[in-house]
Amino acid sequence: MTRAERMKATLEATFAPAALQIEDESRRHANHAGRHGLPASETHYKVTLISDAFTGLSRVARQRAVNEALASEFSCGMHALSLTLRTPEEAAET
């Protein structure tokens, strides 16, 4: 199972998203990862997550919740995570 597949399973189980998109951006950062002793793949991700679970949470609280859910991925080589986190109502406004 790839890191993206594991992330998808974890985020779906934790946040029951209305929409979820995970993009592996590692190829854009291959030189950066190599300089820091990391593998050049499965290190950088962009996640867009729409969920009712974010209702009433600040931007920082949303990011903390996702980072906590994915803590095991950070502990085994994931280096960076770009997050767009919205409620369904906020997503409808954009």
Protein backbone atom coordinates (compact mmCIF):
# COMPACT_ATOMS: atom_id res chain seq x y z
CA MET A 1 0.00 0.00 0.00
CA THR A 2 1.37 3.42 -0.91
CA ARG A 3 1.59 6.32 1.51
CA ALA A 4 -1.20 8.11 -0.39
CA GLU A 5 -3.44 5.05 -0.02
CA ARG A 6 -2.71 4.87 3.72
CA MET A 7 -3.38 8.59 4.09
CA LYS A 8 -6.67 8.26 2.19
CA ALA A 9 -7.83 5.41 4.44
CA THR A 10 -6.88 7.30 7.60
CA LEU A 11 -8.47 10.58 6.54
CA GLU A 12 -11.66 8.88 5.39
CA ALA A 13 -11.98 6.97 8.66
CA THR A 14 -11.21 10.02 10.80
CA PHE A 15 -13.06 12.83 9.02
CA ALA A 16 -15.77 11.16 6.83
CA PRO A 17 -15.04 13.66 4.07
CA ALA A 18 -17.51 14.98 1.55
CA ALA A 19 -14.49 15.34 -0.76
CA LEU A 20 -10.86 14.31 -0.51
CA GLN A 21 -7.99 14.88 -2.90
CA ILE A 22 -4.41 13.78 -2.22
CA GLU A 23 -1.63 14.80 -4.57
CA ASP A 24 1.91 13.45 -4.26
CA GLU A 25 4.15 16.46 -4.94
CA SER A 26 7.37 14.64 -4.06
CA ARG A 27 8.71 14.86 -7.61
CA ARG A 28 8.80 18.65 -7.27
CA HIS A 29 10.95 18.37 -4.16
CA ALA A 30 13.27 15.48 -5.02
CA ASN A 31 16.43 17.59 -4.70
CA HIS A 32 15.24 19.09 -1.43
CA ALA A 33 14.55 15.67 0.08
CA GLY A 34 17.90 14.31 -1.02
CA ARG A 35 19.73 17.16 0.65
CA HIS A 36 18.07 16.26 3.93
CA GLY A 37 18.75 12.54 3.72
CA LEU A 38 15.16 11.64 2.85
CA PRO A 39 14.05 9.37 0.03
CA ALA A 40 13.03 11.30 -3.07
CA SER A 41 9.54 9.79 -3.21
CA GLU A 42 6.45 9.87 -0.98
CA THR A 43 7.71 12.82 1.09
CA HIS A 44 5.60 15.84 0.06
CA TYR A 45 1.80 15.88 -0.27
CA LYS A 46 -0.99 18.32 -0.98
CA VAL A 47 -4.34 17.45 0.61
CA THR A 48 -7.70 19.06 0.02
CA LEU A 49 -10.28 17.81 2.51
CA ILE A 50 -13.91 18.91 2.81
CA SER A 51 -15.62 17.66 5.96
CA ASP A 52 -18.36 18.54 8.44
CA ALA A 53 -15.82 17.58 11.12
CA PHE A 54 -14.20 21.01 10.64
CA THR A 55 -17.34 22.93 11.61
CA GLY A 56 -16.55 25.30 14.47
CA LEU A 57 -12.80 24.65 14.32
CA SER A 58 -10.22 27.33 13.61
CA ARG A 59 -7.79 26.92 10.73
CA VAL A 60 -5.05 25.95 13.19
CA ALA A 61 -7.26 23.42 14.99
CA ARG A 62 -8.16 21.81 11.65
CA GLN A 63 -4.49 21.52 10.69
CA ARG A 64 -3.59 20.07 14.08
CA ALA A 65 -6.35 17.47 13.78
CA VAL A 66 -5.13 16.33 10.35
CA ASN A 67 -1.48 16.33 11.44
CA GLU A 68 -2.39 14.21 14.48
CA ALA A 69 -4.33 11.77 12.30
CA LEU A 70 -1.30 11.42 10.02
CA ALA A 71 1.36 11.38 12.75
CA SER A 72 2.44 7.86 11.86
CA GLU A 73 3.22 8.99 8.30
CA PHE A 74 5.39 11.84 9.56
CA SER A 75 7.27 9.38 11.77
CA CYS A 76 8.16 7.19 8.79
CA GLY A 77 9.39 9.64 6.18
CA MET A 78 6.68 12.09 5.19
CA HIS A 79 8.32 15.50 5.25
CA ALA A 80 5.74 18.09 4.20
CA LEU A 81 1.99 18.42 3.99
CA SER A 82 0.12 21.28 2.31
CA LEU A 83 -3.46 21.44 3.55
CA THR A 84 -6.68 22.98 2.29
CA LEU A 85 -9.34 22.16 4.88
CA ARG A 86 -12.94 23.38 4.57
CA THR A 87 -16.45 22.58 5.68
CA PRO A 88 -18.94 21.78 2.90
CA GLU A 89 -20.49 25.23 3.36
CA GLU A 90 -17.12 26.95 2.97
CA ALA A 91 -16.34 24.88 -0.10
CA ALA A 92 -19.66 25.86 -1.68
CA GLU A 93 -18.78 29.54 -1.25
CA THR A 94 -15.56 29.29 -3.24
